Protein backbone atom coordinates (compact mmCIF):
# COMPACT_ATOMS: atom_id res chain seq x y z
CA UNK A 1 -18.75 -28.27 -0.03
CA UNK A 2 -19.66 -25.17 -1.90
CA UNK A 3 -22.85 -25.09 0.21
CA UNK A 4 -20.81 -24.85 3.35
CA UNK A 5 -18.53 -22.01 1.81
CA UNK A 6 -21.33 -20.05 0.91
CA UNK A 7 -22.93 -20.21 4.32
CA UNK A 8 -19.41 -19.45 5.90
CA UNK A 9 -19.30 -16.14 3.58
CA UNK A 10 -22.85 -15.06 4.60
CA UNK A 11 -21.88 -15.89 8.10
CA UNK A 12 -18.66 -13.43 8.05
CA UNK A 13 -20.65 -10.91 5.96
CA UNK A 14 -23.10 -10.45 8.81
CA UNK A 15 -20.45 -10.36 11.37
CA UNK A 16 -18.82 -7.58 9.22
CA UNK A 17 -21.81 -5.63 9.64
CA UNK A 18 -21.45 -5.56 13.20
CA UNK A 19 -18.34 -3.45 13.33
CA UNK A 20 -18.06 0.15 12.23
CA UNK A 21 -15.42 1.42 9.70
CA UNK A 22 -13.53 3.12 12.54
CA UNK A 23 -13.27 -0.07 14.45
CA UNK A 24 -12.19 -2.14 11.04
CA UNK A 25 -9.60 0.83 10.73
CA UNK A 26 -8.29 0.55 14.23
CA UNK A 27 -7.91 -3.24 13.82
CA UNK A 28 -6.24 -2.85 10.46
CA UNK A 29 -3.80 -0.51 12.04
CA UNK A 30 -2.85 -2.68 14.83
CA UNK A 31 -2.38 -5.91 12.51
CA UNK A 32 -0.24 -3.99 9.95
CA UNK A 33 1.84 -2.40 12.74
CA UNK A 34 2.60 -5.88 14.23
CA UNK A 35 3.19 -7.26 10.42
CA UNK A 36 6.00 -4.73 9.85
CA UNK A 37 8.11 -6.53 12.44
CA UNK A 38 7.97 -9.92 10.70
CA UNK A 39 11.32 -10.85 9.68
CA UNK A 40 10.42 -11.69 6.23
CA UNK A 41 8.53 -8.32 5.73
CA UNK A 42 11.73 -6.43 6.98
CA UNK A 43 13.69 -8.50 4.65
CA UNK A 44 11.80 -8.67 1.60
CA UNK A 45 12.24 -6.37 -1.30
CA UNK A 46 9.21 -7.53 -3.52
CA UNK A 47 5.61 -7.96 -1.80
CA UNK A 48 2.57 -8.71 -3.07
CA UNK A 49 -0.15 -6.88 -1.43
CA UNK A 50 -3.64 -5.81 -2.26
CA UNK A 51 -5.56 -2.33 -2.37
CA UNK A 52 -8.42 -2.85 0.21
CA UNK A 53 -12.08 -3.13 -0.07
CA UNK A 54 -13.93 -1.09 2.70
CA UNK A 55 -14.87 -4.55 4.45
CA UNK A 56 -11.04 -5.81 4.30
CA UNK A 57 -8.17 -5.20 6.35
CA UNK A 58 -7.24 -1.63 5.34
CA UNK A 59 -4.08 -1.64 3.32
CA UNK A 60 -3.98 2.03 1.92
CA UNK A 61 -2.24 3.63 4.47
CA UNK A 62 0.35 0.55 4.87
CA UNK A 63 0.91 0.98 0.89
CA UNK A 64 1.57 4.82 1.12
CA UNK A 65 3.85 4.32 4.20
CA UNK A 66 5.93 1.64 2.72
CA UNK A 67 5.63 2.53 -0.90
CA UNK A 68 8.94 4.10 -1.39
CA UNK A 69 10.86 1.33 0.83
CA UNK A 70 9.30 -1.95 -0.66
CA UNK A 71 8.64 -2.85 -4.15
CA UNK A 72 4.68 -3.29 -3.76
CA UNK A 73 2.99 -5.40 -6.51
CA UNK A 74 -0.92 -5.23 -6.52
CA UNK A 75 -3.33 -7.52 -8.33
CA UNK A 76 -5.55 -6.38 -11.42
CA UNK A 77 -8.41 -8.42 -12.54
CA UNK A 78 -8.00 -9.25 -16.14
CA UNK A 79 -10.93 -11.88 -17.11
CA UNK A 80 -10.41 -14.82 -14.92
CA UNK A 81 -6.86 -14.08 -13.61
CA UNK A 82 -4.94 -11.80 -11.61
CA UNK A 83 -2.46 -9.55 -13.49
CA UNK A 84 0.43 -8.37 -11.11
CA UNK A 85 1.59 -4.67 -11.35
CA UNK A 86 3.93 -2.55 -9.77
CA UNK A 87 2.71 0.32 -7.30
CA UNK A 88 4.67 3.35 -7.80
CA UNK A 89 3.79 6.10 -5.31
CA UNK A 90 2.46 9.17 -6.96
CA UNK A 91 1.57 7.25 -10.33
CA UNK A 92 -1.93 7.09 -11.53
CA UNK A 93 -4.53 4.60 -9.83
CA UNK A 94 -7.67 3.93 -11.68
CA UNK A 95 -11.00 2.21 -10.67
CA UNK A 96 -10.98 -1.37 -11.88
CA UNK A 97 -13.07 -4.47 -11.28
CA UNK A 98 -15.20 -4.30 -7.85
CA UNK A 99 -14.24 -0.63 -7.69
CA UNK A 100 -10.63 -1.45 -6.69
CA UNK A 101 -7.98 1.01 -7.19
CA UNK A 102 -5.32 -0.40 -9.23
CA UNK A 103 -2.12 0.60 -10.82
CA UNK A 104 -2.84 1.80 -14.57
CA UNK A 105 0.37 0.29 -15.70
CA UNK A 106 3.84 -1.33 -14.55
CA UNK A 107 3.10 -5.02 -15.50
CA UNK A 108 5.46 -7.34 -13.28
CA UNK A 109 7.79 -8.82 -15.65
CA UNK A 110 9.41 -11.63 -13.45
CA UNK A 111 6.67 -12.92 -10.72
CA UNK A 112 9.51 -15.12 -9.07
CA UNK A 113 10.85 -11.62 -7.76
CA UNK A 114 7.69 -11.76 -5.14
CA UNK A 115 9.19 -13.03 -1.82
CA UNK A 116 6.10 -12.27 0.27
CA UNK A 117 2.58 -12.38 -0.58
CA UNK A 118 0.08 -10.88 1.86
CA UNK A 119 -3.35 -11.91 0.94
CA UNK A 120 -6.91 -10.92 2.10
CA UNK A 121 -9.77 -13.65 2.57
CA UNK A 122 -13.26 -13.92 3.73
CA UNK A 123 -12.28 -16.50 6.63
CA UNK A 124 -9.21 -18.50 7.67
CA UNK A 125 -8.55 -21.23 9.97
CA UNK A 126 -5.27 -21.58 12.09
CA UNK A 127 -3.91 -24.49 9.82
CA UNK A 128 -3.64 -21.92 7.21
CA UNK A 129 -6.83 -22.60 5.13
CA UNK A 130 -8.34 -19.63 3.28
CA UNK A 131 -11.89 -18.99 1.88
CA UNK A 132 -12.02 -16.32 -0.42
CA UNK A 133 -14.92 -14.66 -2.61
CA UNK A 134 -15.41 -17.56 -4.79
CA UNK A 135 -13.93 -16.84 -7.91
CA UNK A 136 -10.44 -18.67 -7.37
CA UNK A 137 -8.33 -15.49 -8.38
CA UNK A 138 -5.84 -15.64 -5.46
CA UNK A 139 -5.58 -19.41 -5.70
CA UNK A 140 -4.59 -19.52 -9.19
CA UNK A 141 -2.04 -16.40 -8.79
CA UNK A 142 -0.60 -18.40 -5.82
CA UNK A 143 0.15 -21.41 -8.38
CA UNK A 144 2.36 -19.00 -10.11
CA UNK A 145 4.31 -17.90 -7.10
CA UNK A 146 5.62 -21.02 -5.46
CA UNK A 147 8.70 -19.14 -3.89
CA UNK A 148 6.59 -16.66 -2.19
CA UNK A 149 5.86 -16.87 1.73
CA UNK A 150 2.08 -16.40 2.19
CA UNK A 151 0.35 -14.51 4.93
CA UNK A 152 -3.23 -14.18 5.05
CA UNK A 153 -4.35 -11.29 6.95
CA UNK A 154 -8.12 -10.77 8.60
CA UNK A 155 -9.90 -9.33 11.24
CA UNK A 156 -10.34 -11.66 14.50
CA UNK A 157 -13.68 -12.41 13.78
CA UNK A 158 -12.92 -14.06 10.42
CA UNK A 159 -10.65 -16.71 11.94
CA UNK A 160 -12.89 -19.86 12.39
CA UNK A 161 -12.49 -23.28 13.82
CA UNK A 162 -12.31 -24.90 10.34
CA UNK A 163 -12.23 -23.37 6.53
CA UNK A 164 -14.02 -26.19 4.20
CA UNK A 165 -11.45 -26.72 1.47
CA UNK A 166 -11.28 -28.21 -2.05
CA UNK A 167 -8.27 -29.63 -4.03
CA UNK A 168 -7.88 -26.06 -5.84
CA UNK A 169 -7.55 -24.06 -2.53
CA UNK A 170 -4.10 -22.86 -1.52
CA UNK A 171 -3.17 -22.56 2.04
CA UNK A 172 -1.42 -19.89 3.58
CA UNK A 173 2.10 -20.28 5.68
CA UNK A 174 0.62 -17.88 8.38
CA UNK A 175 -2.38 -16.08 9.25
CA UNK A 176 -2.37 -12.65 11.04
CA UNK A 177 -5.26 -10.97 12.94
CA UNK A 178 -5.12 -7.71 14.98
CA UNK A 179 -3.62 -9.74 17.74
CA UNK A 180 -0.73 -10.88 15.53
CA UNK A 181 0.23 -14.24 14.22
CA UNK A 182 -2.62 -16.59 15.09
CA UNK A 183 -1.74 -19.77 12.90
CA UNK A 184 -0.30 -23.26 14.09
CA UNK A 185 2.55 -22.56 11.97
CA UNK A 186 4.77 -19.44 12.44
CA UNK A 187 7.81 -18.38 11.10
CA UNK A 188 10.88 -18.72 13.45
CA UNK A 189 11.87 -15.39 15.29
């Protein structure tokens, strides 16, 4: 199983290198513009998001745009876990693990406040299965957020026929690309 996951990670990494940063940025903008109209995003007050790496759906501008309207919570790597911290526009961000900008403080006191979790991944399938980078950070975090609706976001080329899964892998409720919602399950509109 692990070999299948590693092979898929390599395959997606090769595919990512075929696309310019400008193209990834354009697709990111298209995806997030569509996601803004999702009923749960519109309704949610507290949203778990992530501060993107260069090869992920670019969230920096989205965070800035909505950061005074929504209460965004961003993950911070602490050992083998993700610590969840409030993002506050204008507050200090610092370079953390893997070179990711993260809030310097603002620990989330009550994780049950999170209504919507927008999660990155290396690959997804239409059934909602997600392949991460292999450390299990998000799977363990999602175990702590049973009430949060989970939306996985990726570029269209990261959508595959079948993501190999194991017992610890946590599925998404929906999958979104620059084309909009592409998963079998979709939230009623």
